[in-house]
Every structure is written in C-alpha cells, then in structure tokens.
Amino acid sequence: LGCRACQQPEVHCRNHYHLRSCYFTDLGRFNTEQLLDQLQELHQLLGDIAVGRKFKQRRKTLQKQCDKIRAHMENDGKDSARSSKCRNCGDADCTGACWGFHSLKRKERLEGTKTETDKK
C-alpha cells in the first residue's frame, strides 16, 4: 500500500518493475513531453538488449510499445478513449471487478465479436 500521492493507476510486478516509468497501457493521461521521455527510456532499454535470440520477444514487445506511443502522438491523443477501456472486459466504465481473463463478460463479448465476423 502507498499514499495517494505515490499510487500509480498501473501496477508493475517484480519482473517488470524496471518498466514502471516507461510502459503503460493507457497513454491518454500523458502529455507529449512525458511520452517523449517514455520513448527515450524504451529506446535505451532496447539498446541494452539489441543483440541475440534470447531477448527477441522482449525487443518485439518494447518496439510495439514505441510504435503505440508514436501513433498516440501522431493522433494527438484521439485514441485515448479506446486505450482507457478495461483490458479484460472491454468496458470503459469497468470498476475492475470483472473477473479478469476468465470473466463471463469477456466470453460474451468475444462470442459477439465472433458472430459479427461470421456474418460478414
């Protein structure tokens, strides 16, 4: 637990704690300067693991985050409504009590998406 001043909207586990200042799901709450700082830090992390098969997936993940930040800046943050949805159930107004990955809401939403795709 922490005080309200130091609590972050996103929490990073012990394995990913080194990404706590540069890797976020919701980019809508950051200004351009903060996003540029995140990009710089991600590029530094990418430089540290630039060679070798061992870090291939990490490089891919960090590069995707860099691309996401660039796209967000190019769109002037217009995709912030999309990025602020719950990652599990997809609702913008989720309270976090959606049962996570195995939620019924997620199953219903995925089935609805599947039937829409099948109709086309």
C-alpha atoms as a PDB file:
ATOM      1  CA  LEU A   1       0.000   0.000   0.000  1.00  0.00           C
ATOM      2  CA  GLY A   2       1.064   3.563  -0.522  1.00  0.00           C
ATOM      3  CA  CYS A   3      -0.165   7.066  -0.027  1.00  0.00           C
ATOM      4  CA  ARG A   4      -2.457   8.656  -2.601  1.00  0.00           C
ATOM      5  CA  ALA A   5       0.372  10.847  -3.910  1.00  0.00           C
ATOM      6  CA  CYS A   6       2.548   7.906  -4.977  1.00  0.00           C
ATOM      7  CA  GLN A   7      -0.101   5.465  -6.217  1.00  0.00           C
ATOM      8  CA  GLN A   8       0.037   4.762  -9.933  1.00  0.00           C
ATOM      9  CA  PRO A   9      -3.030   3.722 -11.961  1.00  0.00           C
ATOM     10  CA  GLU A  10      -0.998   0.808 -13.318  1.00  0.00           C
ATOM     11  CA  VAL A  11       0.995  -1.553 -11.146  1.00  0.00           C
ATOM     12  CA  HIS A  12       4.037  -3.480 -12.369  1.00  0.00           C
ATOM     13  CA  CYS A  13       5.065  -6.838 -10.930  1.00  0.00           C
ATOM     14  CA  ARG A  14       8.533  -7.608  -9.617  1.00  0.00           C
ATOM     15  CA  ASN A  15       9.663  -8.947 -13.006  1.00  0.00           C
ATOM     16  CA  HIS A  16       8.553  -5.825 -14.864  1.00  0.00           C
ATOM     17  CA  TYR A  17       9.222  -3.201 -12.220  1.00  0.00           C
ATOM     18  CA  HIS A  18      12.033  -1.722 -14.340  1.00  0.00           C
ATOM     19  CA  LEU A  19       9.334  -0.684 -16.858  1.00  0.00           C
ATOM     20  CA  ARG A  20       7.272   1.255 -14.291  1.00  0.00           C
ATOM     21  CA  SER A  21       8.242   4.645 -15.732  1.00  0.00           C
ATOM     22  CA  CYS A  22       8.020   3.883 -19.460  1.00  0.00           C
ATOM     23  CA  TYR A  23       5.468   1.134 -20.186  1.00  0.00           C
ATOM     24  CA  PHE A  24       1.771   1.944 -19.748  1.00  0.00           C
ATOM     25  CA  THR A  25      -1.436   0.629 -21.244  1.00  0.00           C
ATOM     26  CA  ASP A  26      -3.346   3.909 -21.082  1.00  0.00           C
ATOM     27  CA  LEU A  27      -1.362   6.683 -22.779  1.00  0.00           C
ATOM     28  CA  GLY A  28      -4.208   9.211 -22.662  1.00  0.00           C
ATOM     29  CA  ARG A  29      -3.107  10.662 -19.327  1.00  0.00           C
ATOM     30  CA  PHE A  30       0.367  11.700 -20.543  1.00  0.00           C
ATOM     31  CA  ASN A  31       1.387  14.884 -22.322  1.00  0.00           C
ATOM     32  CA  THR A  32       3.793  14.943 -25.281  1.00  0.00           C
ATOM     33  CA  GLU A  33       6.866  15.634 -23.155  1.00  0.00           C
ATOM     34  CA  GLN A  34       6.126  12.652 -20.911  1.00  0.00           C
ATOM     35  CA  LEU A  35       5.545  10.430 -23.940  1.00  0.00           C
ATOM     36  CA  LEU A  36       8.878  11.511 -25.420  1.00  0.00           C
ATOM     37  CA  ASP A  37      10.574  10.655 -22.116  1.00  0.00           C
ATOM     38  CA  GLN A  38       8.962   7.221 -22.232  1.00  0.00           C
ATOM     39  CA  LEU A  39      10.154   6.723 -25.808  1.00  0.00           C
ATOM     40  CA  GLN A  40      13.688   7.698 -24.870  1.00  0.00           C
ATOM     41  CA  GLU A  41      13.720   5.263 -21.954  1.00  0.00           C
ATOM     42  CA  LEU A  42      12.294   2.474 -24.123  1.00  0.00           C
ATOM     43  CA  HIS A  43      14.978   3.094 -26.759  1.00  0.00           C
ATOM     44  CA  GLN A  44      17.629   2.876 -24.055  1.00  0.00           C
ATOM     45  CA  LEU A  45      16.195  -0.460 -22.887  1.00  0.00           C
ATOM     46  CA  LEU A  46      16.094  -1.662 -26.493  1.00  0.00           C
ATOM     47  CA  GLY A  47      19.753  -0.717 -26.918  1.00  0.00           C
ATOM     48  CA  ASP A  48      20.687  -2.811 -23.905  1.00  0.00           C
ATOM     49  CA  ILE A  49      19.121  -5.944 -25.447  1.00  0.00           C
ATOM     50  CA  ALA A  50      19.753  -5.186 -29.123  1.00  0.00           C
ATOM     51  CA  VAL A  51      21.577  -8.412 -29.990  1.00  0.00           C
ATOM     52  CA  GLY A  52      20.824 -12.073 -29.529  1.00  0.00           C
ATOM     53  CA  ARG A  53      17.980 -14.533 -29.785  1.00  0.00           C
ATOM     54  CA  LYS A  54      17.496 -14.579 -26.033  1.00  0.00           C
ATOM     55  CA  PHE A  55      15.785 -11.179 -25.942  1.00  0.00           C
ATOM     56  CA  LYS A  56      13.844 -11.400 -29.221  1.00  0.00           C
ATOM     57  CA  GLN A  57      10.380 -11.329 -27.611  1.00  0.00           C
ATOM     58  CA  ARG A  58      11.357  -8.511 -25.237  1.00  0.00           C
ATOM     59  CA  ARG A  59      12.602  -6.419 -28.166  1.00  0.00           C
ATOM     60  CA  LYS A  60       9.376  -7.089 -30.038  1.00  0.00           C
ATOM     61  CA  THR A  61       7.246  -6.074 -27.059  1.00  0.00           C
ATOM     62  CA  LEU A  62       9.225  -2.883 -26.389  1.00  0.00           C
ATOM     63  CA  GLN A  63       9.147  -1.975 -30.089  1.00  0.00           C
ATOM     64  CA  LYS A  64       5.363  -2.409 -30.157  1.00  0.00           C
ATOM     65  CA  GLN A  65       5.095  -0.044 -27.188  1.00  0.00           C
ATOM     66  CA  CYS A  66       7.287   2.504 -29.008  1.00  0.00           C
ATOM     67  CA  ASP A  67       5.006   2.222 -32.046  1.00  0.00           C
ATOM     68  CA  LYS A  68       1.949   2.658 -29.820  1.00  0.00           C
ATOM     69  CA  ILE A  69       3.411   5.837 -28.284  1.00  0.00           C
ATOM     70  CA  ARG A  70       4.307   7.273 -31.714  1.00  0.00           C
ATOM     71  CA  ALA A  71       0.807   6.527 -33.044  1.00  0.00           C
ATOM     72  CA  HIS A  72      -0.735   8.163 -29.992  1.00  0.00           C
ATOM     73  CA  MET A  73       1.352  11.307 -30.505  1.00  0.00           C
ATOM     74  CA  GLU A  74       0.561  11.420 -34.240  1.00  0.00           C
ATOM     75  CA  ASN A  75      -3.167  11.217 -33.492  1.00  0.00           C
ATOM     76  CA  ASP A  76      -2.855  13.969 -30.884  1.00  0.00           C
ATOM     77  CA  GLY A  77      -4.233  11.604 -28.254  1.00  0.00           C
ATOM     78  CA  LYS A  78      -7.503  11.000 -30.095  1.00  0.00           C
ATOM     79  CA  ASP A  79      -7.258   7.258 -29.419  1.00  0.00           C
ATOM     80  CA  SER A  80      -7.261   7.787 -25.639  1.00  0.00           C
ATOM     81  CA  ALA A  81     -10.895   6.708 -25.315  1.00  0.00           C
ATOM     82  CA  ARG A  82     -10.014   3.389 -26.929  1.00  0.00           C
ATOM     83  CA  SER A  83      -6.978   2.839 -24.728  1.00  0.00           C
ATOM     84  CA  SER A  84      -8.804   3.587 -21.474  1.00  0.00           C
ATOM     85  CA  LYS A  85     -11.089   0.564 -21.769  1.00  0.00           C
ATOM     86  CA  CYS A  86     -10.667  -2.354 -19.402  1.00  0.00           C
ATOM     87  CA  ARG A  87      -8.185  -4.822 -20.864  1.00  0.00           C
ATOM     88  CA  ASN A  88     -10.298  -7.752 -19.675  1.00  0.00           C
ATOM     89  CA  CYS A  89     -13.934  -6.991 -20.385  1.00  0.00           C
ATOM     90  CA  GLY A  90     -13.603  -4.020 -22.751  1.00  0.00           C
ATOM     91  CA  ASP A  91     -15.905  -1.675 -20.824  1.00  0.00           C
ATOM     92  CA  ALA A  92     -14.801   1.944 -20.445  1.00  0.00           C
ATOM     93  CA  ASP A  93     -16.542   2.210 -17.066  1.00  0.00           C
ATOM     94  CA  CYS A  94     -15.263  -1.073 -15.555  1.00  0.00           C
ATOM     95  CA  THR A  95     -14.612  -0.992 -11.812  1.00  0.00           C
ATOM     96  CA  GLY A  96     -12.056  -3.796 -12.014  1.00  0.00           C
ATOM     97  CA  ALA A  97     -14.432  -6.396 -10.604  1.00  0.00           C
ATOM     98  CA  CYS A  98     -14.969  -8.102 -13.962  1.00  0.00           C
ATOM     99  CA  TRP A  99     -13.332 -11.442 -13.053  1.00  0.00           C
ATOM    100  CA  GLY A 100     -10.308 -10.787 -15.207  1.00  0.00           C
ATOM    101  CA  PHE A 101      -9.429 -13.002 -18.158  1.00  0.00           C
ATOM    102  CA  HIS A 102     -11.997 -15.680 -17.319  1.00  0.00           C
ATOM    103  CA  SER A 103     -14.928 -13.316 -16.895  1.00  0.00           C
ATOM    104  CA  LEU A 104     -18.349 -14.040 -18.275  1.00  0.00           C
ATOM    105  CA  LYS A 105     -18.478 -10.551 -19.768  1.00  0.00           C
ATOM    106  CA  ARG A 106     -15.323 -11.290 -21.741  1.00  0.00           C
ATOM    107  CA  LYS A 107     -16.755 -14.550 -23.042  1.00  0.00           C
ATOM    108  CA  GLU A 108     -19.987 -12.830 -24.120  1.00  0.00           C
ATOM    109  CA  ARG A 109     -18.085 -10.009 -25.801  1.00  0.00           C
ATOM    110  CA  LEU A 110     -15.785 -12.426 -27.664  1.00  0.00           C
ATOM    111  CA  GLU A 111     -18.765 -14.509 -28.815  1.00  0.00           C
ATOM    112  CA  GLY A 112     -20.494 -11.333 -30.031  1.00  0.00           C
ATOM    113  CA  THR A 113     -17.400 -10.321 -31.973  1.00  0.00           C
ATOM    114  CA  LYS A 114     -17.156 -13.816 -33.480  1.00  0.00           C
ATOM    115  CA  THR A 115     -20.784 -13.802 -34.666  1.00  0.00           C
ATOM    116  CA  GLU A 116     -20.337 -10.326 -36.191  1.00  0.00           C
ATOM    117  CA  THR A 117     -17.279 -11.575 -38.080  1.00  0.00           C
ATOM    118  CA  ASP A 118     -19.124 -14.698 -39.239  1.00  0.00           C
ATOM    119  CA  LYS A 119     -21.973 -12.582 -40.679  1.00  0.00           C
ATOM    120  CA  LYS A 120     -19.563 -10.712 -42.977  1.00  0.00           C
END
